[in-house]
Amino acid sequence: MSINDDMSNDKNLSFEDHRDFTITSSKNIDINSSIYVIESRKMLRDCLEKCLIKSFNDQTIMSFASIDEWDQSKILCREGEIIIICCDALETPQTKEDRNDLLFRSGIEARFVLLCDSEDLAGVVEQLSKGVHGYIPTSVSLNVAIEAIRLVQAGGIFIPSSCVFQHCEPVEPVTPRSQFTPRQSAVLEQLQTGRSNKIIAFELKMKESTVKVHVRNIMRRLGVTNRTEAVVQTHKNKTI
């Protein structure tokens, strides 16, 4: 029985399950539609593998404890297959160097996804420049992570929105009051007391014709047809 025949009996194998015959064989293992996980922490590796098996039940899922184990497997990746590399804050410089070496290695057609604790935009950009196709922070939900992997597998690039928005200037929310100019707001305050245009003009030291223009603009912006509706509408929205 060939190596591929052995592996077909169990579609989803960890490296520990099949390393006896992969190491001794000089023949590359050729697997279609596969996702490979490289994670040193066994519990996380097992959990991630089980989740992937459930979500990608038509594909082969294999896990490895290190890049060295991945190298020993002599797996030949095909275009569209996924290699998920898990990173953590305590990884050694050697681990980072090994990961970079894998990313730049020629002959690997797979698409790389990093699963990391950090959401720093500079770090995301750096990894994308090295050939990573997906950067998934551990803060996202499992559903988001699965869909991100599907996107990368389909040829897309995934980065979390949190990494992008953290460097954007906060946008001040549009409130009902923000739609009026300072003079219109002053006129609106007078309207809410029930005062006439003539009295409003006297209080605000402006011409009565100017008050009428402000009232007309206020009603237009509120989408109402008279000053009473304007007062009711602004009271509901707590404009003033």
Protein backbone atom coordinates (compact mmCIF):
# COMPACT_ATOMS: atom_id res chain seq x y z
CA MET A 1 0.00 0.00 0.00
CA SER A 2 1.37 3.44 -0.92
CA ILE A 3 1.71 6.40 1.41
CA ASN A 4 -1.20 8.15 -0.24
CA ASP A 5 -3.34 5.01 0.20
CA ASP A 6 -2.53 5.01 3.91
CA MET A 7 -3.44 8.65 4.24
CA SER A 8 -6.72 8.27 2.37
CA ASN A 9 -8.00 6.10 5.22
CA ASP A 10 -7.86 9.08 7.55
CA LYS A 11 -8.50 12.39 5.87
CA ASN A 12 -7.50 14.61 8.79
CA LEU A 13 -4.22 13.69 10.41
CA SER A 14 -1.81 15.48 12.69
CA PHE A 15 1.89 15.18 11.97
CA GLU A 16 2.32 12.87 14.96
CA ASP A 17 -0.11 10.41 13.34
CA HIS A 18 1.76 10.01 10.06
CA ARG A 19 5.36 11.06 10.67
CA ASP A 20 6.66 7.48 10.82
CA PHE A 21 6.11 6.93 7.13
CA THR A 22 6.61 10.51 5.95
CA ILE A 23 10.11 10.78 7.38
CA THR A 24 11.28 7.44 6.05
CA SER A 25 9.83 8.02 2.61
CA SER A 26 11.79 9.95 0.01
CA LYS A 27 8.62 10.58 -2.00
CA ASN A 28 6.82 13.90 -1.61
CA ILE A 29 3.29 13.71 -0.27
CA ASP A 30 0.93 15.27 -2.77
CA ILE A 31 -2.43 16.21 -1.23
CA ASN A 32 -5.20 18.16 -2.94
CA SER A 33 -7.27 20.87 -1.23
CA SER A 34 -5.43 20.92 2.06
CA ILE A 35 -5.01 23.27 4.99
CA TYR A 36 -1.87 22.97 7.11
CA VAL A 37 -1.56 24.35 10.64
CA ILE A 38 1.79 25.12 12.28
CA GLU A 39 1.32 25.73 16.01
CA SER A 40 3.74 24.79 18.80
CA ARG A 41 1.12 24.73 21.58
CA LYS A 42 -0.59 21.36 21.46
CA MET A 43 -3.93 22.35 22.98
CA LEU A 44 -4.36 25.30 20.63
CA ARG A 45 -3.16 23.21 17.71
CA ASP A 46 -5.68 20.46 18.45
CA CYS A 47 -8.54 22.93 18.96
CA LEU A 48 -7.78 24.77 15.75
CA GLU A 49 -7.49 21.52 13.83
CA LYS A 50 -10.88 20.30 15.07
CA CYS A 51 -12.53 23.60 14.15
CA LEU A 52 -11.04 23.49 10.67
CA ILE A 53 -12.14 19.88 10.19
CA LYS A 54 -15.70 20.89 11.01
CA SER A 55 -15.69 23.97 8.78
CA PHE A 56 -13.72 22.51 5.85
CA ASN A 57 -15.02 18.95 5.89
CA ASP A 58 -14.27 18.48 2.19
CA GLN A 59 -10.57 19.23 2.64
CA THR A 60 -7.60 17.59 4.31
CA ILE A 61 -6.46 19.23 7.55
CA MET A 62 -2.98 18.50 8.89
CA SER A 63 -1.17 20.05 11.85
CA PHE A 64 2.49 20.42 12.78
CA ALA A 65 4.20 21.45 16.00
CA SER A 66 6.93 23.44 14.23
CA ILE A 67 8.30 24.50 10.87
CA ASP A 68 10.94 21.78 11.29
CA GLU A 69 8.20 19.15 11.43
CA TRP A 70 6.63 20.73 8.38
CA ASP A 71 9.95 20.45 6.54
CA GLN A 72 10.32 16.80 7.57
CA SER A 73 6.93 15.96 6.08
CA LYS A 74 8.20 16.89 2.59
CA ILE A 75 4.69 17.92 1.61
CA LEU A 76 4.34 19.43 -1.84
CA CYS A 77 1.85 22.31 -1.65
CA ARG A 78 -0.33 23.21 -4.56
CA GLU A 79 -1.73 26.55 -5.54
CA GLY A 80 -4.69 27.56 -3.40
CA GLU A 81 -3.75 25.45 -0.40
CA ILE A 82 -3.39 27.19 2.95
CA ILE A 83 -0.57 27.21 5.48
CA ILE A 84 -1.68 28.72 8.80
CA ILE A 85 1.21 29.79 11.01
CA CYS A 86 0.31 30.68 14.59
CA CYS A 87 2.41 33.33 16.32
CA ASP A 88 2.54 34.37 19.94
CA ALA A 89 4.19 37.16 21.89
CA LEU A 90 6.72 34.78 23.46
CA GLU A 91 8.11 33.32 20.25
CA THR A 92 11.89 33.32 19.95
CA PRO A 93 13.92 35.24 17.35
CA GLN A 94 14.80 31.87 15.80
CA THR A 95 11.12 31.08 15.35
CA LYS A 96 10.60 34.40 13.57
CA GLU A 97 13.61 33.71 11.38
CA ASP A 98 12.30 30.25 10.49
CA ARG A 99 8.92 31.73 9.61
CA ASN A 100 10.47 34.38 7.39
CA ASP A 101 12.55 31.72 5.69
CA LEU A 102 9.41 29.70 4.97
CA LEU A 103 7.63 32.74 3.53
CA PHE A 104 10.49 33.54 1.17
CA ARG A 105 11.17 29.94 0.23
CA SER A 106 10.80 29.28 -3.47
CA GLY A 107 8.64 26.50 -4.82
CA ILE A 108 5.82 26.85 -2.26
CA GLU A 109 2.56 27.61 -4.04
CA ALA A 110 0.43 27.73 -0.88
CA ARG A 111 -1.12 30.91 0.49
CA PHE A 112 0.04 31.92 3.96
CA VAL A 113 -2.17 32.99 6.86
CA LEU A 114 -0.78 34.29 10.14
CA LEU A 115 -2.79 33.89 13.34
CA CYS A 116 -1.36 36.45 15.77
CA ASP A 117 -2.08 38.16 19.08
CA SER A 118 -0.94 41.57 17.82
CA GLU A 119 -3.11 43.98 15.82
CA ASP A 120 -0.39 46.54 15.14
CA LEU A 121 -0.80 47.98 11.65
CA ALA A 122 2.95 48.30 11.07
CA GLY A 123 3.37 44.61 11.84
CA VAL A 124 0.53 43.69 9.50
CA VAL A 125 2.03 45.70 6.64
CA GLU A 126 5.44 44.13 7.26
CA GLN A 127 4.02 40.61 7.06
CA LEU A 128 2.04 41.39 3.91
CA SER A 129 5.22 42.67 2.28
CA LYS A 130 6.85 39.32 3.06
CA GLY A 131 4.18 37.37 1.21
CA VAL A 132 1.49 36.75 3.82
CA HIS A 133 -2.02 36.66 2.32
CA GLY A 134 -4.05 36.78 5.53
CA TYR A 135 -3.44 38.31 8.95
CA ILE A 136 -5.96 37.11 11.53
CA PRO A 137 -5.76 38.51 15.09
CA THR A 138 -6.83 36.20 17.90
CA SER A 139 -9.33 38.84 19.03
CA VAL A 140 -11.74 38.03 16.17
CA SER A 141 -14.48 35.44 16.45
CA LEU A 142 -14.09 31.93 15.09
CA ASN A 143 -16.63 32.63 12.36
CA VAL A 144 -14.65 35.64 11.15
CA ALA A 145 -11.43 33.61 11.16
CA ILE A 146 -13.04 30.82 9.11
CA GLU A 147 -14.42 33.26 6.54
CA ALA A 148 -11.03 35.00 6.38
CA ILE A 149 -9.40 31.67 5.53
CA ARG A 150 -12.02 31.06 2.84
CA LEU A 151 -11.28 34.50 1.39
CA VAL A 152 -7.55 33.83 1.25
CA GLN A 153 -8.14 30.40 -0.26
CA ALA A 154 -10.23 32.05 -2.99
CA GLY A 155 -7.34 34.36 -3.83
CA GLY A 156 -8.12 37.36 -1.64
CA ILE A 157 -6.15 39.22 1.02
CA PHE A 158 -7.46 39.57 4.57
CA ILE A 159 -6.47 42.12 7.19
CA PRO A 160 -8.62 43.00 10.21
CA SER A 161 -10.53 46.28 10.11
CA SER A 162 -9.29 47.06 13.63
CA CYS A 163 -5.75 47.41 12.28
CA VAL A 164 -6.87 49.93 9.68
CA PHE A 165 -9.19 52.03 11.83
CA GLN A 166 -6.81 52.36 14.78
CA HIS A 167 -4.84 54.98 12.82
CA CYS A 168 -7.85 56.85 11.44
CA GLU A 169 -9.01 60.13 12.92
CA PRO A 170 -12.20 59.58 14.92
CA VAL A 171 -15.26 60.82 13.09
CA GLU A 172 -17.57 62.94 15.19
CA PRO A 173 -21.06 61.46 15.05
CA VAL A 174 -23.68 63.55 13.33
CA THR A 175 -26.16 64.79 15.91
CA PRO A 176 -29.39 66.64 15.21
CA ARG A 177 -27.90 69.89 16.49
CA SER A 178 -24.82 69.64 14.29
CA GLN A 179 -26.95 70.18 11.18
CA PHE A 180 -27.59 73.82 12.14
CA THR A 181 -25.35 76.87 12.08
CA PRO A 182 -24.80 78.74 15.37
CA ARG A 183 -27.29 81.47 14.32
CA GLN A 184 -29.88 78.88 13.29
CA SER A 185 -29.46 77.12 16.64
CA ALA A 186 -30.01 80.44 18.42
CA VAL A 187 -33.19 81.07 16.41
CA LEU A 188 -34.37 77.52 17.11
CA GLU A 189 -33.94 78.06 20.85
CA GLN A 190 -36.16 81.13 20.58
CA LEU A 191 -38.73 79.21 18.54
CA GLN A 192 -39.00 76.63 21.29
CA THR A 193 -40.09 79.35 23.71
CA GLY A 194 -42.97 80.27 21.38
CA ARG A 195 -41.67 83.72 20.50
CA SER A 196 -42.63 85.50 17.30
CA ASN A 197 -40.19 86.47 14.57
CA LYS A 198 -40.28 90.12 15.66
CA ILE A 199 -39.33 89.29 19.26
CA ILE A 200 -36.66 86.83 18.11
CA ALA A 201 -35.18 89.56 15.90
CA PHE A 202 -35.12 91.94 18.87
CA GLU A 203 -33.54 89.38 21.23
CA LEU A 204 -30.87 88.30 18.76
CA LYS A 205 -30.29 91.80 17.36
CA MET A 206 -31.02 90.91 13.76
CA LYS A 207 -33.55 91.95 11.14
CA GLU A 208 -36.93 90.25 11.12
CA SER A 209 -36.39 89.28 7.48
CA THR A 210 -33.18 87.50 8.52
CA VAL A 211 -35.09 85.59 11.21
CA LYS A 212 -37.60 84.47 8.57
CA VAL A 213 -34.77 83.14 6.40
CA HIS A 214 -33.32 81.19 9.34
CA VAL A 215 -36.73 79.76 10.24
CA ARG A 216 -37.31 78.69 6.65
CA ASN A 217 -33.90 76.97 6.50
CA ILE A 218 -34.52 75.24 9.84
CA MET A 219 -37.84 73.85 8.61
CA ARG A 220 -36.24 72.69 5.36
CA ARG A 221 -33.46 70.84 7.17
CA LEU A 222 -35.93 69.20 9.54
CA GLY A 223 -38.27 68.26 6.72
CA VAL A 224 -41.28 70.03 8.27
CA THR A 225 -43.74 72.60 6.91
CA ASN A 226 -44.31 74.96 9.85
CA ARG A 227 -42.62 76.28 12.98
CA THR A 228 -44.79 74.20 15.32
CA GLU A 229 -43.67 70.99 13.63
CA ALA A 230 -40.10 72.24 13.85
CA VAL A 231 -40.38 72.67 17.62
CA VAL A 232 -42.00 69.23 18.04
CA GLN A 233 -39.38 67.56 15.84
CA THR A 234 -36.43 69.11 17.65
CA HIS A 235 -37.96 68.23 21.01
CA LYS A 236 -38.20 64.56 19.96
CA ASN A 237 -34.60 64.56 18.76
CA LYS A 238 -33.41 66.62 21.74
CA THR A 239 -31.72 68.99 19.33
CA ILE A 240 -31.33 71.77 21.84
